[in-house]
Amino acid sequence: MESLALLVVMLMSLVLFTGPLSLLLTSRIFWEFTSGNKAVWIIRRVLVTIVSLIGMTVELLFIMNPLPAAPKFLAMIGFVINTIALKREFLRKRAWRSIFKPNYSDPNGPAGQS
């Protein structure tokens, strides 16, 4: 029984801490700190990717299985935070709308004023 409790604690820790850790690693402070050294920048990028993907996998397991509402809610919040962290890491300059609508052009922008 102790090993089962330890497994549950480890899985809940992944659900709770992978999102904030990924957000911290993609913050502007870490981004600018690692931009000077290419090796450190690649290590940070790989670390963010691995942490986020492991967290998202565990969170999807929590969301899809019949569990109480509280762990599912925490898993959904963690999944959203990990998604935001991956977007910040790989698509930092792009808006959310341009990700979901690739041919989107702002009607108020320069291209819309004719």
PDB file of N, CA and C in Angstrom:
ATOM      1  N   MET A   1       0.805  -1.197   0.000  1.00  0.00           N
ATOM      2  CA  MET A   1       0.000   0.000   0.000  1.00  0.00           C
ATOM      3  C   MET A   1       0.850   1.264   0.000  1.00  0.00           C
ATOM      4  N   GLU A   2       2.012   1.193   0.632  1.00  0.00           N
ATOM      5  CA  GLU A   2       2.868   2.374   0.654  1.00  0.00           C
ATOM      6  C   GLU A   2       3.365   2.718  -0.734  1.00  0.00           C
ATOM      7  N   SER A   3       3.664   1.697  -1.542  1.00  0.00           N
ATOM      8  CA  SER A   3       4.163   1.965  -2.886  1.00  0.00           C
ATOM      9  C   SER A   3       3.059   2.563  -3.762  1.00  0.00           C
ATOM     10  N   LEU A   4       1.821   2.165  -3.560  1.00  0.00           N
ATOM     11  CA  LEU A   4       0.712   2.748  -4.305  1.00  0.00           C
ATOM     12  C   LEU A   4       0.517   4.215  -3.928  1.00  0.00           C
ATOM     13  N   ALA A   5       0.617   4.506  -2.648  1.00  0.00           N
ATOM     14  CA  ALA A   5       0.504   5.897  -2.207  1.00  0.00           C
ATOM     15  C   ALA A   5       1.652   6.734  -2.758  1.00  0.00           C
ATOM     16  N   LEU A   6       2.845   6.164  -2.810  1.00  0.00           N
ATOM     17  CA  LEU A   6       3.993   6.865  -3.367  1.00  0.00           C
ATOM     18  C   LEU A   6       3.791   7.141  -4.862  1.00  0.00           C
ATOM     19  N   LEU A   7       3.240   6.177  -5.584  1.00  0.00           N
ATOM     20  CA  LEU A   7       2.957   6.363  -7.007  1.00  0.00           C
ATOM     21  C   LEU A   7       1.938   7.477  -7.224  1.00  0.00           C
ATOM     22  N   VAL A   8       0.895   7.504  -6.412  1.00  0.00           N
ATOM     23  CA  VAL A   8      -0.122   8.549  -6.522  1.00  0.00           C
ATOM     24  C   VAL A   8       0.475   9.922  -6.226  1.00  0.00           C
ATOM     25  N   VAL A   9       1.319  10.000  -5.220  1.00  0.00           N
ATOM     26  CA  VAL A   9       1.973  11.270  -4.882  1.00  0.00           C
ATOM     27  C   VAL A   9       2.873  11.721  -6.024  1.00  0.00           C
ATOM     28  N   MET A  10       3.598  10.809  -6.632  1.00  0.00           N
ATOM     29  CA  MET A  10       4.475  11.157  -7.744  1.00  0.00           C
ATOM     30  C   MET A  10       3.669  11.647  -8.949  1.00  0.00           C
ATOM     31  N   LEU A  11       2.570  10.975  -9.267  1.00  0.00           N
ATOM     32  CA  LEU A  11       1.744  11.393 -10.397  1.00  0.00           C
ATOM     33  C   LEU A  11       1.089  12.750 -10.141  1.00  0.00           C
ATOM     34  N   MET A  12       0.589  12.959  -8.945  1.00  0.00           N
ATOM     35  CA  MET A  12      -0.007  14.258  -8.614  1.00  0.00           C
ATOM     36  C   MET A  12       1.050  15.361  -8.613  1.00  0.00           C
ATOM     37  N   SER A  13       2.268  15.035  -8.221  1.00  0.00           N
ATOM     38  CA  SER A  13       3.343  16.025  -8.269  1.00  0.00           C
ATOM     39  C   SER A  13       3.643  16.418  -9.706  1.00  0.00           C
ATOM     40  N   LEU A  14       3.628  15.445 -10.610  1.00  0.00           N
ATOM     41  CA  LEU A  14       3.813  15.765 -12.027  1.00  0.00           C
ATOM     42  C   LEU A  14       2.694  16.665 -12.533  1.00  0.00           C
ATOM     43  N   VAL A  15       1.477  16.367 -12.146  1.00  0.00           N
ATOM     44  CA  VAL A  15       0.335  17.182 -12.581  1.00  0.00           C
ATOM     45  C   VAL A  15       0.455  18.606 -12.047  1.00  0.00           C
ATOM     46  N   LEU A  16       0.850  18.744 -10.804  1.00  0.00           N
ATOM     47  CA  LEU A  16       0.876  20.061 -10.173  1.00  0.00           C
ATOM     48  C   LEU A  16       2.087  20.904 -10.550  1.00  0.00           C
ATOM     49  N   PHE A  17       3.250  20.292 -10.762  1.00  0.00           N
ATOM     50  CA  PHE A  17       4.469  21.077 -10.869  1.00  0.00           C
ATOM     51  C   PHE A  17       5.059  21.185 -12.264  1.00  0.00           C
ATOM     52  N   THR A  18       4.639  20.375 -13.238  1.00  0.00           N
ATOM     53  CA  THR A  18       5.247  20.487 -14.565  1.00  0.00           C
ATOM     54  C   THR A  18       4.831  21.774 -15.268  1.00  0.00           C
ATOM     55  N   GLY A  19       3.590  22.203 -15.101  1.00  0.00           N
ATOM     56  CA  GLY A  19       3.135  23.432 -15.739  1.00  0.00           C
ATOM     57  C   GLY A  19       3.870  24.664 -15.237  1.00  0.00           C
ATOM     58  N   PRO A  20       3.881  24.906 -13.924  1.00  0.00           N
ATOM     59  CA  PRO A  20       4.621  26.073 -13.425  1.00  0.00           C
ATOM     60  C   PRO A  20       6.116  26.020 -13.733  1.00  0.00           C
ATOM     61  N   LEU A  21       6.713  24.831 -13.701  1.00  0.00           N
ATOM     62  CA  LEU A  21       8.129  24.714 -14.037  1.00  0.00           C
ATOM     63  C   LEU A  21       8.368  25.088 -15.497  1.00  0.00           C
ATOM     64  N   SER A  22       7.513  24.620 -16.391  1.00  0.00           N
ATOM     65  CA  SER A  22       7.647  24.963 -17.803  1.00  0.00           C
ATOM     66  C   SER A  22       7.442  26.454 -18.031  1.00  0.00           C
ATOM     67  N   LEU A  23       6.452  27.032 -17.352  1.00  0.00           N
ATOM     68  CA  LEU A  23       6.240  28.474 -17.484  1.00  0.00           C
ATOM     69  C   LEU A  23       7.441  29.254 -16.964  1.00  0.00           C
ATOM     70  N   LEU A  24       8.022  28.800 -15.877  1.00  0.00           N
ATOM     71  CA  LEU A  24       9.197  29.470 -15.330  1.00  0.00           C
ATOM     72  C   LEU A  24      10.362  29.408 -16.318  1.00  0.00           C
ATOM     73  N   LEU A  25      10.570  28.246 -16.935  1.00  0.00           N
ATOM     74  CA  LEU A  25      11.672  28.100 -17.882  1.00  0.00           C
ATOM     75  C   LEU A  25      11.451  28.887 -19.170  1.00  0.00           C
ATOM     76  N   THR A  26      10.195  29.205 -19.498  1.00  0.00           N
ATOM     77  CA  THR A  26       9.925  29.991 -20.704  1.00  0.00           C
ATOM     78  C   THR A  26       9.709  31.466 -20.393  1.00  0.00           C
ATOM     79  N   SER A  27       9.934  31.864 -19.155  1.00  0.00           N
ATOM     80  CA  SER A  27       9.760  33.272 -18.804  1.00  0.00           C
ATOM     81  C   SER A  27      10.812  34.129 -19.505  1.00  0.00           C
ATOM     82  N   ARG A  28      10.550  35.400 -19.566  1.00  0.00           N
ATOM     83  CA  ARG A  28      11.448  36.322 -20.266  1.00  0.00           C
ATOM     84  C   ARG A  28      12.835  36.343 -19.613  1.00  0.00           C
ATOM     85  N   ILE A  29      12.887  36.185 -18.306  1.00  0.00           N
ATOM     86  CA  ILE A  29      14.172  36.199 -17.604  1.00  0.00           C
ATOM     87  C   ILE A  29      15.053  35.037 -18.072  1.00  0.00           C
ATOM     88  N   PHE A  30      14.498  33.815 -18.077  1.00  0.00           N
ATOM     89  CA  PHE A  30      15.269  32.656 -18.522  1.00  0.00           C
ATOM     90  C   PHE A  30      15.547  32.726 -20.014  1.00  0.00           C
ATOM     91  N   TRP A  31      14.586  33.234 -20.796  1.00  0.00           N
ATOM     92  CA  TRP A  31      14.751  33.340 -22.243  1.00  0.00           C
ATOM     93  C   TRP A  31      15.952  34.237 -22.564  1.00  0.00           C
ATOM     94  N   GLU A  32      16.015  35.412 -21.931  1.00  0.00           N
ATOM     95  CA  GLU A  32      17.106  36.341 -22.197  1.00  0.00           C
ATOM     96  C   GLU A  32      18.430  35.860 -21.602  1.00  0.00           C
ATOM     97  N   PHE A  33      18.366  35.182 -20.462  1.00  0.00           N
ATOM     98  CA  PHE A  33      19.581  34.675 -19.829  1.00  0.00           C
ATOM     99  C   PHE A  33      20.248  33.611 -20.695  1.00  0.00           C
ATOM    100  N   THR A  34      19.456  32.739 -21.322  1.00  0.00           N
ATOM    101  CA  THR A  34      20.021  31.649 -22.109  1.00  0.00           C
ATOM    102  C   THR A  34      20.248  32.020 -23.567  1.00  0.00           C
ATOM    103  N   SER A  35      19.780  33.181 -24.010  1.00  0.00           N
ATOM    104  CA  SER A  35      19.942  33.531 -25.416  1.00  0.00           C
ATOM    105  C   SER A  35      21.394  33.829 -25.780  1.00  0.00           C
ATOM    106  N   GLY A  36      22.223  34.148 -24.811  1.00  0.00           N
ATOM    107  CA  GLY A  36      23.620  34.445 -25.077  1.00  0.00           C
ATOM    108  C   GLY A  36      24.459  33.215 -25.366  1.00  0.00           C
ATOM    109  N   ASN A  37      24.119  32.078 -24.790  1.00  0.00           N
ATOM    110  CA  ASN A  37      24.880  30.847 -24.956  1.00  0.00           C
ATOM    111  C   ASN A  37      24.006  29.826 -25.672  1.00  0.00           C
ATOM    112  N   LYS A  38      24.390  29.422 -26.863  1.00  0.00           N
ATOM    113  CA  LYS A  38      23.572  28.529 -27.686  1.00  0.00           C
ATOM    114  C   LYS A  38      23.365  27.157 -27.028  1.00  0.00           C
ATOM    115  N   ALA A  39      24.390  26.615 -26.390  1.00  0.00           N
ATOM    116  CA  ALA A  39      24.271  25.291 -25.761  1.00  0.00           C
ATOM    117  C   ALA A  39      23.269  25.320 -24.610  1.00  0.00           C
ATOM    118  N   VAL A  40      23.348  26.345 -23.774  1.00  0.00           N
ATOM    119  CA  VAL A  40      22.411  26.462 -22.644  1.00  0.00           C
ATOM    120  C   VAL A  40      20.994  26.693 -23.171  1.00  0.00           C
ATOM    121  N   TRP A  41      20.856  27.457 -24.241  1.00  0.00           N
ATOM    122  CA  TRP A  41      19.545  27.718 -24.829  1.00  0.00           C
ATOM    123  C   TRP A  41      18.912  26.428 -25.353  1.00  0.00           C
ATOM    124  N   ILE A  42      19.714  25.577 -25.997  1.00  0.00           N
ATOM    125  CA  ILE A  42      19.202  24.298 -26.506  1.00  0.00           C
ATOM    126  C   ILE A  42      18.830  23.377 -25.350  1.00  0.00           C
ATOM    127  N   ILE A  43      19.647  23.340 -24.317  1.00  0.00           N
ATOM    128  CA  ILE A  43      19.343  22.501 -23.145  1.00  0.00           C
ATOM    129  C   ILE A  43      18.046  22.956 -22.494  1.00  0.00           C
ATOM    130  N   ARG A  44      17.856  24.281 -22.351  1.00  0.00           N
ATOM    131  CA  ARG A  44      16.618  24.793 -21.769  1.00  0.00           C
ATOM    132  C   ARG A  44      15.422  24.422 -22.637  1.00  0.00           C
ATOM    133  N   ARG A  45      15.572  24.530 -23.940  1.00  0.00           N
ATOM    134  CA  ARG A  45      14.469  24.220 -24.857  1.00  0.00           C
ATOM    135  C   ARG A  45      14.103  22.738 -24.796  1.00  0.00           C
ATOM    136  N   VAL A  46      15.099  21.870 -24.777  1.00  0.00           N
ATOM    137  CA  VAL A  46      14.847  20.428 -24.663  1.00  0.00           C
ATOM    138  C   VAL A  46      14.206  20.110 -23.316  1.00  0.00           C
ATOM    139  N   LEU A  47      14.675  20.740 -22.258  1.00  0.00           N
ATOM    140  CA  LEU A  47      14.123  20.509 -20.923  1.00  0.00           C
ATOM    141  C   LEU A  47      12.651  20.932 -20.855  1.00  0.00           C
ATOM    142  N   VAL A  48      12.328  22.085 -21.425  1.00  0.00           N
ATOM    143  CA  VAL A  48      10.937  22.546 -21.443  1.00  0.00           C
ATOM    144  C   VAL A  48      10.067  21.557 -22.210  1.00  0.00           C
ATOM    145  N   THR A  49      10.551  21.095 -23.347  1.00  0.00           N
ATOM    146  CA  THR A  49       9.780  20.162 -24.165  1.00  0.00           C
ATOM    147  C   THR A  49       9.537  18.848 -23.426  1.00  0.00           C
ATOM    148  N   ILE A  50      10.562  18.298 -22.822  1.00  0.00           N
ATOM    149  CA  ILE A  50      10.423  17.014 -22.125  1.00  0.00           C
ATOM    150  C   ILE A  50       9.500  17.142 -20.919  1.00  0.00           C
ATOM    151  N   VAL A  51       9.714  18.185 -20.115  1.00  0.00           N
ATOM    152  CA  VAL A  51       8.886  18.375 -18.915  1.00  0.00           C
ATOM    153  C   VAL A  51       7.424  18.576 -19.307  1.00  0.00           C
ATOM    154  N   SER A  52       7.180  19.389 -20.314  1.00  0.00           N
ATOM    155  CA  SER A  52       5.797  19.662 -20.720  1.00  0.00           C
ATOM    156  C   SER A  52       5.126  18.419 -21.289  1.00  0.00           C
ATOM    157  N   LEU A  53       5.826  17.675 -22.122  1.00  0.00           N
ATOM    158  CA  LEU A  53       5.211  16.492 -22.721  1.00  0.00           C
ATOM    159  C   LEU A  53       4.946  15.393 -21.695  1.00  0.00           C
ATOM    160  N   ILE A  54       5.850  15.215 -20.741  1.00  0.00           N
ATOM    161  CA  ILE A  54       5.604  14.236 -19.678  1.00  0.00           C
ATOM    162  C   ILE A  54       4.409  14.677 -18.843  1.00  0.00           C
ATOM    163  N   GLY A  55       4.370  15.952 -18.478  1.00  0.00           N
ATOM    164  CA  GLY A  55       3.247  16.457 -17.695  1.00  0.00           C
ATOM    165  C   GLY A  55       1.928  16.336 -18.442  1.00  0.00           C
ATOM    166  N   MET A  56       1.933  16.666 -19.731  1.00  0.00           N
ATOM    167  CA  MET A  56       0.690  16.591 -20.510  1.00  0.00           C
ATOM    168  C   MET A  56       0.200  15.151 -20.650  1.00  0.00           C
ATOM    169  N   THR A  57       1.124  14.206 -20.755  1.00  0.00           N
ATOM    170  CA  THR A  57       0.732  12.799 -20.844  1.00  0.00           C
ATOM    171  C   THR A  57       0.041  12.342 -19.560  1.00  0.00           C
ATOM    172  N   VAL A  58       0.635  12.659 -18.428  1.00  0.00           N
ATOM    173  CA  VAL A  58       0.039  12.272 -17.140  1.00  0.00           C
ATOM    174  C   VAL A  58      -1.290  12.999 -16.949  1.00  0.00           C
ATOM    175  N   GLU A  59      -1.351  14.255 -17.331  1.00  0.00           N
ATOM    176  CA  GLU A  59      -2.599  15.017 -17.176  1.00  0.00           C
ATOM    177  C   GLU A  59      -3.705  14.464 -18.057  1.00  0.00           C
ATOM    178  N   LEU A  60      -3.374  14.033 -19.259  1.00  0.00           N
ATOM    179  CA  LEU A  60      -4.395  13.409 -20.110  1.00  0.00           C
ATOM    180  C   LEU A  60      -4.889  12.099 -19.507  1.00  0.00           C
ATOM    181  N   LEU A  61      -3.990  11.352 -18.877  1.00  0.00           N
ATOM    182  CA  LEU A  61      -4.423  10.124 -18.198  1.00  0.00           C
ATOM    183  C   LEU A  61      -5.397  10.449 -17.068  1.00  0.00           C
ATOM    184  N   PHE A  62      -5.129  11.510 -16.332  1.00  0.00           N
ATOM    185  CA  PHE A  62      -6.025  11.921 -15.250  1.00  0.00           C
ATOM    186  C   PHE A  62      -7.363  12.399 -15.809  1.00  0.00           C
ATOM    187  N   ILE A  63      -7.336  13.128 -16.915  1.00  0.00           N
ATOM    188  CA  ILE A  63      -8.568  13.678 -17.487  1.00  0.00           C
ATOM    189  C   ILE A  63      -9.441  12.568 -18.057  1.00  0.00           C
ATOM    190  N   MET A  64      -8.845  11.590 -18.716  1.00  0.00           N
ATOM    191  CA  MET A  64      -9.612  10.558 -19.415  1.00  0.00           C
ATOM    192  C   MET A  64     -10.121   9.431 -18.515  1.00  0.00           C
ATOM    193  N   ASN A  65      -9.526   9.259 -17.366  1.00  0.00           N
ATOM    194  CA  ASN A  65      -9.940   8.165 -16.488  1.00  0.00           C
ATOM    195  C   ASN A  65     -11.004   8.627 -15.496  1.00  0.00           C
ATOM    196  N   PRO A  66     -11.796   7.675 -14.993  1.00  0.00           N
ATOM    197  CA  PRO A  66     -12.838   8.050 -14.020  1.00  0.00           C
ATOM    198  C   PRO A  66     -12.236   8.356 -12.652  1.00  0.00           C
ATOM    199  N   LEU A  67     -12.028   9.630 -12.417  1.00  0.00           N
ATOM    200  CA  LEU A  67     -11.471  10.105 -11.154  1.00  0.00           C
ATOM    201  C   LEU A  67     -12.403  11.147 -10.567  1.00  0.00           C
ATOM    202  N   PRO A  68     -12.229  11.504  -9.315  1.00  0.00           N
ATOM    203  CA  PRO A  68     -13.019  12.590  -8.739  1.00  0.00           C
ATOM    204  C   PRO A  68     -12.762  13.912  -9.469  1.00  0.00           C
ATOM    205  N   ALA A  69     -13.623  14.873  -9.220  1.00  0.00           N
ATOM    206  CA  ALA A  69     -13.578  16.143  -9.953  1.00  0.00           C
ATOM    207  C   ALA A  69     -12.325  16.961  -9.641  1.00  0.00           C
ATOM    208  N   ALA A  70     -11.846  16.940  -8.421  1.00  0.00           N
ATOM    209  CA  ALA A  70     -10.697  17.780  -8.041  1.00  0.00           C
ATOM    210  C   ALA A  70      -9.429  17.402  -8.807  1.00  0.00           C
ATOM    211  N   PRO A  71      -9.029  16.113  -8.860  1.00  0.00           N
ATOM    212  CA  PRO A  71      -7.832  15.785  -9.649  1.00  0.00           C
ATOM    213  C   PRO A  71      -8.007  16.069 -11.141  1.00  0.00           C
ATOM    214  N   LYS A  72      -9.219  15.856 -11.653  1.00  0.00           N
ATOM    215  CA  LYS A  72      -9.463  16.170 -13.067  1.00  0.00           C
ATOM    216  C   LYS A  72      -9.325  17.661 -13.330  1.00  0.00           C
ATOM    217  N   PHE A  73      -9.844  18.472 -12.428  1.00  0.00           N
ATOM    218  CA  PHE A  73      -9.753  19.921 -12.584  1.00  0.00           C
ATOM    219  C   PHE A  73      -8.300  20.375 -12.534  1.00  0.00           C
ATOM    220  N   LEU A  74      -7.529  19.840 -11.591  1.00  0.00           N
ATOM    221  CA  LEU A  74      -6.104  20.176 -11.506  1.00  0.00           C
ATOM    222  C   LEU A  74      -5.358  19.731 -12.756  1.00  0.00           C
ATOM    223  N   ALA A  75      -5.723  18.566 -13.283  1.00  0.00           N
ATOM    224  CA  ALA A  75      -5.081  18.074 -14.504  1.00  0.00           C
ATOM    225  C   ALA A  75      -5.421  18.963 -15.695  1.00  0.00           C
ATOM    226  N   MET A  76      -6.661  19.447 -15.772  1.00  0.00           N
ATOM    227  CA  MET A  76      -7.036  20.351 -16.869  1.00  0.00           C
ATOM    228  C   MET A  76      -6.272  21.671 -16.784  1.00  0.00           C
ATOM    229  N   ILE A  77      -6.148  22.195 -15.582  1.00  0.00           N
ATOM    230  CA  ILE A  77      -5.391  23.445 -15.409  1.00  0.00           C
ATOM    231  C   ILE A  77      -3.926  23.223 -15.789  1.00  0.00           C
ATOM    232  N   GLY A  78      -3.351  22.105 -15.357  1.00  0.00           N
ATOM    233  CA  GLY A  78      -1.967  21.794 -15.707  1.00  0.00           C
ATOM    234  C   GLY A  78      -1.772  21.615 -17.199  1.00  0.00           C
ATOM    235  N   PHE A  79      -2.748  20.995 -17.860  1.00  0.00           N
ATOM    236  CA  PHE A  79      -2.662  20.803 -19.311  1.00  0.00           C
ATOM    237  C   PHE A  79      -2.665  22.146 -20.031  1.00  0.00           C
ATOM    238  N   VAL A  80      -3.528  23.043 -19.587  1.00  0.00           N
ATOM    239  CA  VAL A  80      -3.582  24.379 -20.199  1.00  0.00           C
ATOM    240  C   VAL A  80      -2.272  25.130 -19.975  1.00  0.00           C
ATOM    241  N   ILE A  81      -1.733  25.045 -18.769  1.00  0.00           N
ATOM    242  CA  ILE A  81      -0.476  25.748 -18.469  1.00  0.00           C
ATOM    243  C   ILE A  81       0.670  25.176 -19.306  1.00  0.00           C
ATOM    244  N   ASN A  82       0.720  23.860 -19.464  1.00  0.00           N
ATOM    245  CA  ASN A  82       1.764  23.254 -20.291  1.00  0.00           C
ATOM    246  C   ASN A  82       1.602  23.635 -21.756  1.00  0.00           C
ATOM    247  N   THR A  83       0.364  23.735 -22.224  1.00  0.00           N
ATOM    248  CA  THR A  83       0.125  24.167 -23.595  1.00  0.00           C
ATOM    249  C   THR A  83       0.606  25.601 -23.800  1.00  0.00           C
ATOM    250  N   ILE A  84       0.322  26.468 -22.844  1.00  0.00           N
ATOM    251  CA  ILE A  84       0.785  27.856 -22.924  1.00  0.00           C
ATOM    252  C   ILE A  84       2.311  27.906 -22.911  1.00  0.00           C
ATOM    253  N   ALA A  85       2.943  27.073 -22.093  1.00  0.00           N
ATOM    254  CA  ALA A  85       4.408  27.062 -22.024  1.00  0.00           C
ATOM    255  C   ALA A  85       5.012  26.600 -23.352  1.00  0.00           C
ATOM    256  N   LEU A  86       4.427  25.584 -23.977  1.00  0.00           N
ATOM    257  CA  LEU A  86       4.949  25.125 -25.266  1.00  0.00           C
ATOM    258  C   LEU A  86       4.740  26.181 -26.351  1.00  0.00           C
ATOM    259  N   LYS A  87       3.609  26.889 -26.294  1.00  0.00           N
ATOM    260  CA  LYS A  87       3.369  27.968 -27.251  1.00  0.00           C
ATOM    261  C   LYS A  87       4.386  29.079 -27.044  1.00  0.00           C
ATOM    262  N   ARG A  88       4.657  29.422 -25.801  1.00  0.00           N
ATOM    263  CA  ARG A  88       5.643  30.467 -25.504  1.00  0.00           C
ATOM    264  C   ARG A  88       7.034  30.043 -25.939  1.00  0.00           C
ATOM    265  N   GLU A  89       7.324  28.764 -25.889  1.00  0.00           N
ATOM    266  CA  GLU A  89       8.656  28.299 -26.256  1.00  0.00           C
ATOM    267  C   GLU A  89       8.868  28.286 -27.769  1.00  0.00           C
ATOM    268  N   PHE A  90       7.901  27.778 -28.515  1.00  0.00           N
ATOM    269  CA  PHE A  90       8.117  27.565 -29.937  1.00  0.00           C
ATOM    270  C   PHE A  90       7.435  28.597 -30.834  1.00  0.00           C
ATOM    271  N   LEU A  91       6.387  29.221 -30.376  1.00  0.00           N
ATOM    272  CA  LEU A  91       5.642  30.192 -31.192  1.00  0.00           C
ATOM    273  C   LEU A  91       5.497  31.497 -30.437  1.00  0.00           C
ATOM    274  N   ARG A  92       6.571  31.997 -29.905  1.00  0.00           N
ATOM    275  CA  ARG A  92       6.544  33.161 -29.021  1.00  0.00           C
ATOM    276  C   ARG A  92       5.998  34.409 -29.705  1.00  0.00           C
ATOM    277  N   LYS A  93       6.324  34.621 -30.956  1.00  0.00           N
ATOM    278  CA  LYS A  93       5.949  35.851 -31.648  1.00  0.00           C
ATOM    279  C   LYS A  93       4.567  35.780 -32.306  1.00  0.00           C
ATOM    280  N   ARG A  94       3.970  34.613 -32.388  1.00  0.00           N
ATOM    281  CA  ARG A  94       2.691  34.463 -33.074  1.00  0.00           C
ATOM    282  C   ARG A  94       1.533  34.570 -32.093  1.00  0.00           C
ATOM    283  N   ALA A  95       0.455  35.183 -32.575  1.00  0.00           N
ATOM    284  CA  ALA A  95      -0.753  35.308 -31.757  1.00  0.00           C
ATOM    285  C   ALA A  95      -1.520  33.986 -31.775  1.00  0.00           C
ATOM    286  N   TRP A  96      -2.355  33.793 -30.755  1.00  0.00           N
ATOM    287  CA  TRP A  96      -3.148  32.557 -30.680  1.00  0.00           C
ATOM    288  C   TRP A  96      -4.051  32.414 -31.896  1.00  0.00           C
ATOM    289  N   ARG A  97      -4.642  33.507 -32.338  1.00  0.00           N
ATOM    290  CA  ARG A  97      -5.574  33.440 -33.457  1.00  0.00           C
ATOM    291  C   ARG A  97      -4.871  32.977 -34.728  1.00  0.00           C
ATOM    292  N   SER A  98      -3.650  33.419 -34.945  1.00  0.00           N
ATOM    293  CA  SER A  98      -2.936  33.016 -36.154  1.00  0.00           C
ATOM    294  C   SER A  98      -2.526  31.543 -36.108  1.00  0.00           C
ATOM    295  N   ILE A  99      -2.479  30.955 -34.926  1.00  0.00           N
ATOM    296  CA  ILE A  99      -2.167  29.532 -34.811  1.00  0.00           C
ATOM    297  C   ILE A  99      -3.375  28.704 -35.241  1.00  0.00           C
ATOM    298  N   PHE A 100      -4.561  29.113 -34.810  1.00  0.00           N
ATOM    299  CA  PHE A 100      -5.760  28.337 -35.102  1.00  0.00           C
ATOM    300  C   PHE A 100      -6.385  28.693 -36.446  1.00  0.00           C
ATOM    301  N   LYS A 101      -6.121  29.888 -36.959  1.00  0.00           N
ATOM    302  CA  LYS A 101      -6.598  30.305 -38.275  1.00  0.00           C
ATOM    303  C   LYS A 101      -5.382  30.775 -39.073  1.00  0.00           C
ATOM    304  N   PRO A 102      -4.741  29.874 -39.821  1.00  0.00           N
ATOM    305  CA  PRO A 102      -3.488  30.231 -40.487  1.00  0.00           C
ATOM    306  C   PRO A 102      -3.627  31.366 -41.510  1.00  0.00           C
ATOM    307  N   ASN A 103      -4.748  31.502 -42.159  1.00  0.00           N
ATOM    308  CA  ASN A 103      -4.909  32.538 -43.178  1.00  0.00           C
ATOM    309  C   ASN A 103      -5.561  33.792 -42.618  1.00  0.00           C
ATOM    310  N   TYR A 104      -5.506  33.957 -41.323  1.00  0.00           N
ATOM    311  CA  TYR A 104      -6.132  35.105 -40.681  1.00  0.00           C
ATOM    312  C   TYR A 104      -5.335  36.371 -40.971  1.00  0.00           C
ATOM    313  N   SER A 105      -6.037  37.408 -41.390  1.00  0.00           N
ATOM    314  CA  SER A 105      -5.401  38.720 -41.532  1.00  0.00           C
ATOM    315  C   SER A 105      -6.260  39.713 -40.775  1.00  0.00           C
ATOM    316  N   ASP A 106      -5.627  40.563 -40.045  1.00  0.00           N
ATOM    317  CA  ASP A 106      -6.324  41.535 -39.225  1.00  0.00           C
ATOM    318  C   ASP A 106      -6.978  42.589 -40.127  1.00  0.00           C
ATOM    319  N   PRO A 107      -8.320  42.730 -40.079  1.00  0.00           N
ATOM    320  CA  PRO A 107      -8.965  43.719 -40.942  1.00  0.00           C
ATOM    321  C   PRO A 107      -8.621  45.145 -40.560  1.00  0.00           C
ATOM    322  N   ASN A 108      -8.114  45.372 -39.370  1.00  0.00           N
ATOM    323  CA  ASN A 108      -7.731  46.700 -38.942  1.00  0.00           C
ATOM    324  C   ASN A 108      -6.261  46.998 -39.192  1.00  0.00           C
ATOM    325  N   GLY A 109      -5.520  46.004 -39.649  1.00  0.00           N
ATOM    326  CA  GLY A 109      -4.101  46.188 -39.885  1.00  0.00           C
ATOM    327  C   GLY A 109      -3.821  46.809 -41.250  1.00  0.00           C
ATOM    328  N   PRO A 110      -2.551  46.886 -41.609  1.00  0.00           N
ATOM    329  CA  PRO A 110      -2.183  47.510 -42.881  1.00  0.00           C
ATOM    330  C   PRO A 110      -2.764  46.795 -44.101  1.00  0.00           C
ATOM    331  N   ALA A 111      -2.864  45.456 -44.037  1.00  0.00           N
ATOM    332  CA  ALA A 111      -3.381  44.727 -45.182  1.00  0.00           C
ATOM    333  C   ALA A 111      -4.883  44.920 -45.348  1.00  0.00           C
ATOM    334  N   GLY A 112      -5.594  45.252 -44.295  1.00  0.00           N
ATOM    335  CA  GLY A 112      -7.049  45.416 -44.362  1.00  0.00           C
ATOM    336  C   GLY A 112      -7.471  46.791 -44.775  1.00  0.00           C
ATOM    337  N   GLN A 113      -6.561  47.719 -44.877  1.00  0.00           N
ATOM    338  CA  GLN A 113      -6.919  49.092 -45.234  1.00  0.00           C
ATOM    339  C   GLN A 113      -6.620  49.342 -46.711  1.00  0.00           C
ATOM    340  N   SER A 114      -7.652  49.185 -47.528  1.00  0.00           N
ATOM    341  CA  SER A 114      -7.449  49.409 -48.950  1.00  0.00           C
ATOM    342  C   SER A 114      -8.439  50.403 -49.505  1.00  0.00           C
TER     343      SER A 114
END
